[in-house]
Amino acid sequence: MRAVDFIVRHIEEHNMTQTEAAALTGWSRQNFWDKLNNRNPRYRTMLHILTSFGYELHLERLDGKPLDVDEAEFFDTASRRDVLYDDMVDLAGALGYQVTIS
């Protein structure tokens, strides 16, 4: 599931208003929805939204084995390079990893 869809589902499941959801991020309602409606926001944008909602991102190997990369460095690089969130997820997948939201 895409992160944008995950956030929209979270909002619906928690019966939140658009204003309440935006308030969690510290953004205006319009700014929050503009970012979500972009449909492919930047990694830093999604990280801010997800952490504002109490979630964390993690890397997991697709084969279930322990990580053999530095998870923090992977996400730090995605942040420094200001990549699109979905591109970061696709790159992780190409390397045999998945990005999970917990």
PDB file of N, CA and C in Angstrom:
ATOM      1  N   MET A   1       0.832  -1.173   0.000  1.00  0.00           N
ATOM      2  CA  MET A   1       0.000   0.000   0.000  1.00  0.00           C
ATOM      3  C   MET A   1       0.881   1.241   0.000  1.00  0.00           C
ATOM      4  N   ARG A   2       0.526   2.182  -0.822  1.00  0.00           N
ATOM      5  CA  ARG A   2       1.279   3.433  -0.884  1.00  0.00           C
ATOM      6  C   ARG A   2       1.079   4.226   0.400  1.00  0.00           C
ATOM      7  N   ALA A   3       2.082   5.000   0.787  1.00  0.00           N
ATOM      8  CA  ALA A   3       2.033   5.752   2.042  1.00  0.00           C
ATOM      9  C   ALA A   3       0.883   6.758   2.048  1.00  0.00           C
ATOM     10  N   VAL A   4       0.625   7.405   0.925  1.00  0.00           N
ATOM     11  CA  VAL A   4      -0.489   8.362   0.863  1.00  0.00           C
ATOM     12  C   VAL A   4      -1.796   7.638   1.175  1.00  0.00           C
ATOM     13  N   ASP A   5      -1.995   6.475   0.579  1.00  0.00           N
ATOM     14  CA  ASP A   5      -3.208   5.700   0.831  1.00  0.00           C
ATOM     15  C   ASP A   5      -3.269   5.253   2.292  1.00  0.00           C
ATOM     16  N   PHE A   6      -2.124   4.913   2.865  1.00  0.00           N
ATOM     17  CA  PHE A   6      -2.045   4.503   4.266  1.00  0.00           C
ATOM     18  C   PHE A   6      -2.529   5.641   5.165  1.00  0.00           C
ATOM     19  N   ILE A   7      -2.073   6.863   4.901  1.00  0.00           N
ATOM     20  CA  ILE A   7      -2.465   8.020   5.706  1.00  0.00           C
ATOM     21  C   ILE A   7      -3.951   8.315   5.538  1.00  0.00           C
ATOM     22  N   VAL A   8      -4.452   8.279   4.309  1.00  0.00           N
ATOM     23  CA  VAL A   8      -5.871   8.531   4.075  1.00  0.00           C
ATOM     24  C   VAL A   8      -6.715   7.495   4.823  1.00  0.00           C
ATOM     25  N   ARG A   9      -6.305   6.231   4.781  1.00  0.00           N
ATOM     26  CA  ARG A   9      -7.024   5.183   5.500  1.00  0.00           C
ATOM     27  C   ARG A   9      -6.985   5.428   7.009  1.00  0.00           C
ATOM     28  N   HIS A  10      -5.822   5.839   7.518  1.00  0.00           N
ATOM     29  CA  HIS A  10      -5.691   6.146   8.939  1.00  0.00           C
ATOM     30  C   HIS A  10      -6.694   7.243   9.338  1.00  0.00           C
ATOM     31  N   ILE A  11      -6.773   8.278   8.548  1.00  0.00           N
ATOM     32  CA  ILE A  11      -7.681   9.394   8.825  1.00  0.00           C
ATOM     33  C   ILE A  11      -9.126   8.908   8.849  1.00  0.00           C
ATOM     34  N   GLU A  12      -9.491   8.099   7.859  1.00  0.00           N
ATOM     35  CA  GLU A  12     -10.864   7.580   7.784  1.00  0.00           C
ATOM     36  C   GLU A  12     -11.173   6.655   8.957  1.00  0.00           C
ATOM     37  N   GLU A  13     -10.252   5.755   9.284  1.00  0.00           N
ATOM     38  CA  GLU A  13     -10.476   4.789  10.360  1.00  0.00           C
ATOM     39  C   GLU A  13     -10.570   5.445  11.736  1.00  0.00           C
ATOM     40  N   HIS A  14      -9.937   6.595  11.878  1.00  0.00           N
ATOM     41  CA  HIS A  14      -9.964   7.300  13.153  1.00  0.00           C
ATOM     42  C   HIS A  14     -10.991   8.437  13.156  1.00  0.00           C
ATOM     43  N   ASN A  15     -11.825   8.469  12.123  1.00  0.00           N
ATOM     44  CA  ASN A  15     -12.899   9.469  12.019  1.00  0.00           C
ATOM     45  C   ASN A  15     -12.400  10.886  12.266  1.00  0.00           C
ATOM     46  N   MET A  16     -11.259  11.186  11.679  1.00  0.00           N
ATOM     47  CA  MET A  16     -10.668  12.507  11.845  1.00  0.00           C
ATOM     48  C   MET A  16     -11.202  13.444  10.773  1.00  0.00           C
ATOM     49  N   THR A  17     -11.306  14.715  11.131  1.00  0.00           N
ATOM     50  CA  THR A  17     -11.630  15.723  10.126  1.00  0.00           C
ATOM     51  C   THR A  17     -10.339  16.106   9.412  1.00  0.00           C
ATOM     52  N   GLN A  18     -10.473  16.761   8.300  1.00  0.00           N
ATOM     53  CA  GLN A  18      -9.294  17.234   7.581  1.00  0.00           C
ATOM     54  C   GLN A  18      -8.497  18.205   8.440  1.00  0.00           C
ATOM     55  N   THR A  19      -9.200  19.025   9.184  1.00  0.00           N
ATOM     56  CA  THR A  19      -8.531  20.002  10.042  1.00  0.00           C
ATOM     57  C   THR A  19      -7.765  19.307  11.158  1.00  0.00           C
ATOM     58  N   GLU A  20      -8.346  18.275  11.760  1.00  0.00           N
ATOM     59  CA  GLU A  20      -7.667  17.530  12.819  1.00  0.00           C
ATOM     60  C   GLU A  20      -6.418  16.831  12.284  1.00  0.00           C
ATOM     61  N   ALA A  21      -6.541  16.237  11.124  1.00  0.00           N
ATOM     62  CA  ALA A  21      -5.397  15.547  10.526  1.00  0.00           C
ATOM     63  C   ALA A  21      -4.271  16.531  10.226  1.00  0.00           C
ATOM     64  N   ALA A  22      -4.620  17.668   9.672  1.00  0.00           N
ATOM     65  CA  ALA A  22      -3.610  18.677   9.349  1.00  0.00           C
ATOM     66  C   ALA A  22      -2.950  19.216  10.608  1.00  0.00           C
ATOM     67  N   ALA A  23      -3.743  19.375  11.667  1.00  0.00           N
ATOM     68  CA  ALA A  23      -3.203  19.920  12.910  1.00  0.00           C
ATOM     69  C   ALA A  23      -2.103  19.037  13.481  1.00  0.00           C
ATOM     70  N   LEU A  24      -2.204  17.732  13.285  1.00  0.00           N
ATOM     71  CA  LEU A  24      -1.158  16.831  13.771  1.00  0.00           C
ATOM     72  C   LEU A  24       0.196  17.130  13.138  1.00  0.00           C
ATOM     73  N   THR A  25       0.172  17.587  11.898  1.00  0.00           N
ATOM     74  CA  THR A  25       1.413  17.872  11.185  1.00  0.00           C
ATOM     75  C   THR A  25       1.924  19.285  11.436  1.00  0.00           C
ATOM     76  N   GLY A  26       1.048  20.138  11.968  1.00  0.00           N
ATOM     77  CA  GLY A  26       1.432  21.535  12.160  1.00  0.00           C
ATOM     78  C   GLY A  26       1.247  22.368  10.902  1.00  0.00           C
ATOM     79  N   TRP A  27       0.577  21.795   9.910  1.00  0.00           N
ATOM     80  CA  TRP A  27       0.335  22.490   8.651  1.00  0.00           C
ATOM     81  C   TRP A  27      -1.124  22.917   8.570  1.00  0.00           C
ATOM     82  N   SER A  28      -1.401  23.824   7.665  1.00  0.00           N
ATOM     83  CA  SER A  28      -2.788  24.199   7.420  1.00  0.00           C
ATOM     84  C   SER A  28      -3.495  23.037   6.725  1.00  0.00           C
ATOM     85  N   ARG A  29      -4.811  23.030   6.817  1.00  0.00           N
ATOM     86  CA  ARG A  29      -5.595  21.975   6.156  1.00  0.00           C
ATOM     87  C   ARG A  29      -5.302  21.960   4.658  1.00  0.00           C
ATOM     88  N   GLN A  30      -5.257  23.133   4.039  1.00  0.00           N
ATOM     89  CA  GLN A  30      -5.018  23.203   2.595  1.00  0.00           C
ATOM     90  C   GLN A  30      -3.629  22.682   2.233  1.00  0.00           C
ATOM     91  N   ASN A  31      -2.629  23.081   2.994  1.00  0.00           N
ATOM     92  CA  ASN A  31      -1.263  22.632   2.721  1.00  0.00           C
ATOM     93  C   ASN A  31      -1.144  21.117   2.876  1.00  0.00           C
ATOM     94  N   PHE A  32      -1.738  20.589   3.944  1.00  0.00           N
ATOM     95  CA  PHE A  32      -1.701  19.147   4.188  1.00  0.00           C
ATOM     96  C   PHE A  32      -2.317  18.385   3.021  1.00  0.00           C
ATOM     97  N   TRP A  33      -3.499  18.779   2.586  1.00  0.00           N
ATOM     98  CA  TRP A  33      -4.179  18.055   1.508  1.00  0.00           C
ATOM     99  C   TRP A  33      -3.510  18.278   0.160  1.00  0.00           C
ATOM    100  N   ASP A  34      -2.914  19.453  -0.042  1.00  0.00           N
ATOM    101  CA  ASP A  34      -2.152  19.663  -1.275  1.00  0.00           C
ATOM    102  C   ASP A  34      -0.997  18.669  -1.349  1.00  0.00           C
ATOM    103  N   LYS A  35      -0.317  18.453  -0.234  1.00  0.00           N
ATOM    104  CA  LYS A  35       0.806  17.514  -0.219  1.00  0.00           C
ATOM    105  C   LYS A  35       0.332  16.081  -0.463  1.00  0.00           C
ATOM    106  N   LEU A  36      -0.772  15.688   0.164  1.00  0.00           N
ATOM    107  CA  LEU A  36      -1.286  14.335  -0.056  1.00  0.00           C
ATOM    108  C   LEU A  36      -1.806  14.153  -1.474  1.00  0.00           C
ATOM    109  N   ASN A  37      -2.441  15.166  -2.019  1.00  0.00           N
ATOM    110  CA  ASN A  37      -3.007  15.054  -3.363  1.00  0.00           C
ATOM    111  C   ASN A  37      -1.956  15.111  -4.459  1.00  0.00           C
ATOM    112  N   ASN A  38      -0.735  15.442  -4.095  1.00  0.00           N
ATOM    113  CA  ASN A  38       0.368  15.398  -5.050  1.00  0.00           C
ATOM    114  C   ASN A  38       0.533  13.977  -5.582  1.00  0.00           C
ATOM    115  N   ARG A  39       0.102  12.994  -4.789  1.00  0.00           N
ATOM    116  CA  ARG A  39       0.112  11.560  -5.100  1.00  0.00           C
ATOM    117  C   ARG A  39       1.516  10.965  -5.170  1.00  0.00           C
ATOM    118  N   ASN A  40       2.550  11.755  -5.177  1.00  0.00           N
ATOM    119  CA  ASN A  40       3.904  11.222  -5.069  1.00  0.00           C
ATOM    120  C   ASN A  40       4.789  12.265  -4.387  1.00  0.00           C
ATOM    121  N   PRO A  41       4.519  12.480  -3.089  1.00  0.00           N
ATOM    122  CA  PRO A  41       5.290  13.492  -2.374  1.00  0.00           C
ATOM    123  C   PRO A  41       6.723  13.057  -2.119  1.00  0.00           C
ATOM    124  N   ARG A  42       7.498  13.975  -1.707  1.00  0.00           N
ATOM    125  CA  ARG A  42       8.890  13.734  -1.356  1.00  0.00           C
ATOM    126  C   ARG A  42       8.971  12.895  -0.081  1.00  0.00           C
ATOM    127  N   TYR A  43      10.088  12.211   0.070  1.00  0.00           N
ATOM    128  CA  TYR A  43      10.312  11.377   1.252  1.00  0.00           C
ATOM    129  C   TYR A  43      10.173  12.205   2.533  1.00  0.00           C
ATOM    130  N   ARG A  44      10.818  13.368   2.589  1.00  0.00           N
ATOM    131  CA  ARG A  44      10.775  14.173   3.814  1.00  0.00           C
ATOM    132  C   ARG A  44       9.347  14.587   4.168  1.00  0.00           C
ATOM    133  N   THR A  45       8.527  14.857   3.168  1.00  0.00           N
ATOM    134  CA  THR A  45       7.131  15.212   3.408  1.00  0.00           C
ATOM    135  C   THR A  45       6.397  14.045   4.045  1.00  0.00           C
ATOM    136  N   MET A  46       6.550  12.850   3.457  1.00  0.00           N
ATOM    137  CA  MET A  46       5.856  11.680   3.996  1.00  0.00           C
ATOM    138  C   MET A  46       6.396  11.310   5.368  1.00  0.00           C
ATOM    139  N   LEU A  47       7.690  11.440   5.575  1.00  0.00           N
ATOM    140  CA  LEU A  47       8.264  11.150   6.887  1.00  0.00           C
ATOM    141  C   LEU A  47       7.654  12.070   7.941  1.00  0.00           C
ATOM    142  N   HIS A  48       7.531  13.341   7.612  1.00  0.00           N
ATOM    143  CA  HIS A  48       6.939  14.298   8.550  1.00  0.00           C
ATOM    144  C   HIS A  48       5.494  13.911   8.873  1.00  0.00           C
ATOM    145  N   ILE A  49       4.721  13.576   7.859  1.00  0.00           N
ATOM    146  CA  ILE A  49       3.325  13.199   8.080  1.00  0.00           C
ATOM    147  C   ILE A  49       3.245  11.919   8.905  1.00  0.00           C
ATOM    148  N   LEU A  50       3.983  10.905   8.498  1.00  0.00           N
ATOM    149  CA  LEU A  50       3.919   9.620   9.194  1.00  0.00           C
ATOM    150  C   LEU A  50       4.352   9.740  10.648  1.00  0.00           C
ATOM    151  N   THR A  51       5.437  10.451  10.913  1.00  0.00           N
ATOM    152  CA  THR A  51       5.877  10.587  12.302  1.00  0.00           C
ATOM    153  C   THR A  51       4.898  11.454  13.095  1.00  0.00           C
ATOM    154  N   SER A  52       4.277  12.420  12.458  1.00  0.00           N
ATOM    155  CA  SER A  52       3.257  13.230  13.135  1.00  0.00           C
ATOM    156  C   SER A  52       2.063  12.383  13.554  1.00  0.00           C
ATOM    157  N   PHE A  53       1.795  11.333  12.800  1.00  0.00           N
ATOM    158  CA  PHE A  53       0.697  10.427  13.103  1.00  0.00           C
ATOM    159  C   PHE A  53       1.143   9.278  14.016  1.00  0.00           C
ATOM    160  N   GLY A  54       2.406   9.291  14.435  1.00  0.00           N
ATOM    161  CA  GLY A  54       2.904   8.295  15.379  1.00  0.00           C
ATOM    162  C   GLY A  54       3.503   7.051  14.756  1.00  0.00           C
ATOM    163  N   TYR A  55       3.806   7.092  13.463  1.00  0.00           N
ATOM    164  CA  TYR A  55       4.356   5.923  12.787  1.00  0.00           C
ATOM    165  C   TYR A  55       5.856   6.064  12.580  1.00  0.00           C
ATOM    166  N   GLU A  56       6.496   4.936  12.335  1.00  0.00           N
ATOM    167  CA  GLU A  56       7.917   4.878  12.004  1.00  0.00           C
ATOM    168  C   GLU A  56       8.080   4.104  10.705  1.00  0.00           C
ATOM    169  N   LEU A  57       9.160   4.394   9.999  1.00  0.00           N
ATOM    170  CA  LEU A  57       9.516   3.640   8.795  1.00  0.00           C
ATOM    171  C   LEU A  57      10.657   2.698   9.127  1.00  0.00           C
ATOM    172  N   HIS A  58      10.599   1.521   8.514  1.00  0.00           N
ATOM    173  CA  HIS A  58      11.667   0.536   8.694  1.00  0.00           C
ATOM    174  C   HIS A  58      11.948  -0.151   7.373  1.00  0.00           C
ATOM    175  N   LEU A  59      13.130  -0.684   7.270  1.00  0.00           N
ATOM    176  CA  LEU A  59      13.508  -1.530   6.134  1.00  0.00           C
ATOM    177  C   LEU A  59      13.445  -2.984   6.581  1.00  0.00           C
ATOM    178  N   GLU A  60      12.961  -3.837   5.717  1.00  0.00           N
ATOM    179  CA  GLU A  60      12.978  -5.275   5.950  1.00  0.00           C
ATOM    180  C   GLU A  60      13.454  -5.947   4.676  1.00  0.00           C
ATOM    181  N   ARG A  61      14.229  -6.991   4.840  1.00  0.00           N
ATOM    182  CA  ARG A  61      14.648  -7.764   3.673  1.00  0.00           C
ATOM    183  C   ARG A  61      13.467  -8.579   3.177  1.00  0.00           C
ATOM    184  N   LEU A  62      13.320  -8.658   1.870  1.00  0.00           N
ATOM    185  CA  LEU A  62      12.223  -9.422   1.284  1.00  0.00           C
ATOM    186  C   LEU A  62      12.348 -10.910   1.571  1.00  0.00           C
ATOM    187  N   ASP A  63      13.586 -11.386   1.792  1.00  0.00           N
ATOM    188  CA  ASP A  63      13.778 -12.812   2.068  1.00  0.00           C
ATOM    189  C   ASP A  63      13.679 -13.132   3.559  1.00  0.00           C
ATOM    190  N   GLY A  64      13.382 -12.117   4.392  1.00  0.00           N
ATOM    191  CA  GLY A  64      13.201 -12.329   5.820  1.00  0.00           C
ATOM    192  C   GLY A  64      14.476 -12.398   6.641  1.00  0.00           C
ATOM    193  N   LYS A  65      15.614 -12.350   6.008  1.00  0.00           N
ATOM    194  CA  LYS A  65      16.887 -12.410   6.733  1.00  0.00           C
ATOM    195  C   LYS A  65      17.166 -11.068   7.409  1.00  0.00           C
ATOM    196  N   PRO A  66      18.123 -11.045   8.344  1.00  0.00           N
ATOM    197  CA  PRO A  66      18.481  -9.780   9.010  1.00  0.00           C
ATOM    198  C   PRO A  66      19.020  -8.758   8.007  1.00  0.00           C
ATOM    199  N   LEU A  67      18.848  -7.494   8.340  1.00  0.00           N
ATOM    200  CA  LEU A  67      19.359  -6.424   7.479  1.00  0.00           C
ATOM    201  C   LEU A  67      20.865  -6.527   7.329  1.00  0.00           C
ATOM    202  N   ASP A  68      21.336  -6.241   6.138  1.00  0.00           N
ATOM    203  CA  ASP A  68      22.773  -6.183   5.907  1.00  0.00           C
ATOM    204  C   ASP A  68      23.170  -4.806   5.379  1.00  0.00           C
ATOM    205  N   VAL A  69      22.296  -3.829   5.626  1.00  0.00           N
ATOM    206  CA  VAL A  69      22.585  -2.424   5.321  1.00  0.00           C
ATOM    207  C   VAL A  69      22.235  -1.612   6.563  1.00  0.00           C
ATOM    208  N   ASP A  70      22.754  -0.417   6.617  1.00  0.00           N
ATOM    209  CA  ASP A  70      22.467   0.493   7.724  1.00  0.00           C
ATOM    210  C   ASP A  70      21.146   1.205   7.426  1.00  0.00           C
ATOM    211  N   GLU A  71      20.092   0.812   8.142  1.00  0.00           N
ATOM    212  CA  GLU A  71      18.759   1.369   7.917  1.00  0.00           C
ATOM    213  C   GLU A  71      18.756   2.892   8.077  1.00  0.00           C
ATOM    214  N   ALA A  72      19.395   3.390   9.117  1.00  0.00           N
ATOM    215  CA  ALA A  72      19.427   4.831   9.364  1.00  0.00           C
ATOM    216  C   ALA A  72      20.117   5.567   8.218  1.00  0.00           C
ATOM    217  N   GLU A  73      21.195   5.007   7.710  1.00  0.00           N
ATOM    218  CA  GLU A  73      21.913   5.639   6.599  1.00  0.00           C
ATOM    219  C   GLU A  73      21.064   5.641   5.326  1.00  0.00           C
ATOM    220  N   PHE A  74      20.334   4.568   5.085  1.00  0.00           N
ATOM    221  CA  PHE A  74      19.445   4.502   3.917  1.00  0.00           C
ATOM    222  C   PHE A  74      18.430   5.639   3.962  1.00  0.00           C
ATOM    223  N   PHE A  75      17.742   5.782   5.108  1.00  0.00           N
ATOM    224  CA  PHE A  75      16.720   6.820   5.222  1.00  0.00           C
ATOM    225  C   PHE A  75      17.333   8.217   5.267  1.00  0.00           C
ATOM    226  N   ASP A  76      18.504   8.347   5.880  1.00  0.00           N
ATOM    227  CA  ASP A  76      19.179   9.641   5.910  1.00  0.00           C
ATOM    228  C   ASP A  76      19.561  10.082   4.494  1.00  0.00           C
ATOM    229  N   THR A  77      20.026   9.147   3.700  1.00  0.00           N
ATOM    230  CA  THR A  77      20.384   9.464   2.310  1.00  0.00           C
ATOM    231  C   THR A  77      19.149   9.871   1.519  1.00  0.00           C
ATOM    232  N   ALA A  78      18.043   9.161   1.725  1.00  0.00           N
ATOM    233  CA  ALA A  78      16.786   9.530   1.046  1.00  0.00           C
ATOM    234  C   ALA A  78      16.375  10.943   1.423  1.00  0.00           C
ATOM    235  N   SER A  79      16.571  11.304   2.678  1.00  0.00           N
ATOM    236  CA  SER A  79      16.231  12.649   3.130  1.00  0.00           C
ATOM    237  C   SER A  79      17.172  13.694   2.534  1.00  0.00           C
ATOM    238  N   ARG A  80      18.461  13.444   2.596  1.00  0.00           N
ATOM    239  CA  ARG A  80      19.447  14.397   2.052  1.00  0.00           C
ATOM    240  C   ARG A  80      19.261  14.610   0.562  1.00  0.00           C
ATOM    241  N   ARG A  81      18.934  13.544  -0.167  1.00  0.00           N
ATOM    242  CA  ARG A  81      18.786  13.638  -1.626  1.00  0.00           C
ATOM    243  C   ARG A  81      17.396  14.143  -2.026  1.00  0.00           C
ATOM    244  N   ASP A  82      16.488  14.276  -1.052  1.00  0.00           N
ATOM    245  CA  ASP A  82      15.135  14.779  -1.276  1.00  0.00           C
ATOM    246  C   ASP A  82      14.416  14.007  -2.384  1.00  0.00           C
ATOM    247  N   VAL A  83      14.484  12.684  -2.287  1.00  0.00           N
ATOM    248  CA  VAL A  83      13.882  11.824  -3.315  1.00  0.00           C
ATOM    249  C   VAL A  83      12.371  11.761  -3.144  1.00  0.00           C
ATOM    250  N   LEU A  84      11.701  11.383  -4.210  1.00  0.00           N
ATOM    251  CA  LEU A  84      10.273  11.124  -4.127  1.00  0.00           C
ATOM    252  C   LEU A  84      10.067   9.877  -3.277  1.00  0.00           C
ATOM    253  N   TYR A  85       9.043   9.880  -2.450  1.00  0.00           N
ATOM    254  CA  TYR A  85       8.804   8.763  -1.547  1.00  0.00           C
ATOM    255  C   TYR A  85       8.672   7.445  -2.305  1.00  0.00           C
ATOM    256  N   ASP A  86       7.838   7.429  -3.343  1.00  0.00           N
ATOM    257  CA  ASP A  86       7.619   6.187  -4.089  1.00  0.00           C
ATOM    258  C   ASP A  86       8.889   5.714  -4.788  1.00  0.00           C
ATOM    259  N   ASP A  87       9.747   6.639  -5.217  1.00  0.00           N
ATOM    260  CA  ASP A  87      11.019   6.244  -5.824  1.00  0.00           C
ATOM    261  C   ASP A  87      11.917   5.569  -4.788  1.00  0.00           C
ATOM    262  N   MET A  88      11.903   6.088  -3.555  1.00  0.00           N
ATOM    263  CA  MET A  88      12.695   5.485  -2.483  1.00  0.00           C
ATOM    264  C   MET A  88      12.209   4.063  -2.209  1.00  0.00           C
ATOM    265  N   VAL A  89      10.889   3.877  -2.187  1.00  0.00           N
ATOM    266  CA  VAL A  89      10.311   2.548  -1.947  1.00  0.00           C
ATOM    267  C   VAL A  89      10.688   1.606  -3.095  1.00  0.00           C
ATOM    268  N   ASP A  90      10.600   2.097  -4.334  1.00  0.00           N
ATOM    269  CA  ASP A  90      10.954   1.273  -5.497  1.00  0.00           C
ATOM    270  C   ASP A  90      12.431   0.887  -5.480  1.00  0.00           C
ATOM    271  N   LEU A  91      13.291   1.816  -5.106  1.00  0.00           N
ATOM    272  CA  LEU A  91      14.724   1.520  -5.032  1.00  0.00           C
ATOM    273  C   LEU A  91      15.001   0.460  -3.971  1.00  0.00           C
ATOM    274  N   ALA A  92      14.366   0.588  -2.821  1.00  0.00           N
ATOM    275  CA  ALA A  92      14.527  -0.426  -1.778  1.00  0.00           C
ATOM    276  C   ALA A  92      14.101  -1.795  -2.309  1.00  0.00           C
ATOM    277  N   GLY A  93      12.988  -1.835  -3.020  1.00  0.00           N
ATOM    278  CA  GLY A  93      12.494  -3.098  -3.583  1.00  0.00           C
ATOM    279  C   GLY A  93      13.452  -3.697  -4.576  1.00  0.00           C
ATOM    280  N   ALA A  94      14.065  -2.846  -5.399  1.00  0.00           N
ATOM    281  CA  ALA A  94      15.026  -3.337  -6.376  1.00  0.00           C
ATOM    282  C   ALA A  94      16.262  -3.936  -5.712  1.00  0.00           C
ATOM    283  N   LEU A  95      16.531  -3.499  -4.502  1.00  0.00           N
ATOM    284  CA  LEU A  95      17.687  -3.998  -3.757  1.00  0.00           C
ATOM    285  C   LEU A  95      17.333  -5.173  -2.842  1.00  0.00           C
ATOM    286  N   GLY A  96      16.070  -5.610  -2.882  1.00  0.00           N
ATOM    287  CA  GLY A  96      15.647  -6.756  -2.092  1.00  0.00           C
ATOM    288  C   GLY A  96      15.090  -6.401  -0.722  1.00  0.00           C
ATOM    289  N   TYR A  97      14.639  -5.172  -0.576  1.00  0.00           N
ATOM    290  CA  TYR A  97      14.097  -4.706   0.705  1.00  0.00           C
ATOM    291  C   TYR A  97      12.691  -4.159   0.490  1.00  0.00           C
ATOM    292  N   GLN A  98      11.959  -4.062   1.589  1.00  0.00           N
ATOM    293  CA  GLN A  98      10.687  -3.354   1.548  1.00  0.00           C
ATOM    294  C   GLN A  98      10.685  -2.325   2.659  1.00  0.00           C
ATOM    295  N   VAL A  99       9.986  -1.224   2.412  1.00  0.00           N
ATOM    296  CA  VAL A  99       9.816  -0.190   3.421  1.00  0.00           C
ATOM    297  C   VAL A  99       8.492  -0.474   4.120  1.00  0.00           C
ATOM    298  N   THR A 100       8.538  -0.599   5.437  1.00  0.00           N
ATOM    299  CA  THR A 100       7.320  -0.868   6.200  1.00  0.00           C
ATOM    300  C   THR A 100       6.998   0.314   7.088  1.00  0.00           C
ATOM    301  N   ILE A 101       5.718   0.497   7.342  1.00  0.00           N
ATOM    302  CA  ILE A 101       5.226   1.545   8.220  1.00  0.00           C
ATOM    303  C   ILE A 101       4.658   0.858   9.453  1.00  0.00           C
ATOM    304  N   SER A 102       5.170   1.238  10.605  1.00  0.00           N
ATOM    305  CA  SER A 102       4.676   0.633  11.847  1.00  0.00           C
ATOM    306  C   SER A 102       4.501   1.678  12.931  1.00  0.00           C
TER     307      SER A 102
END
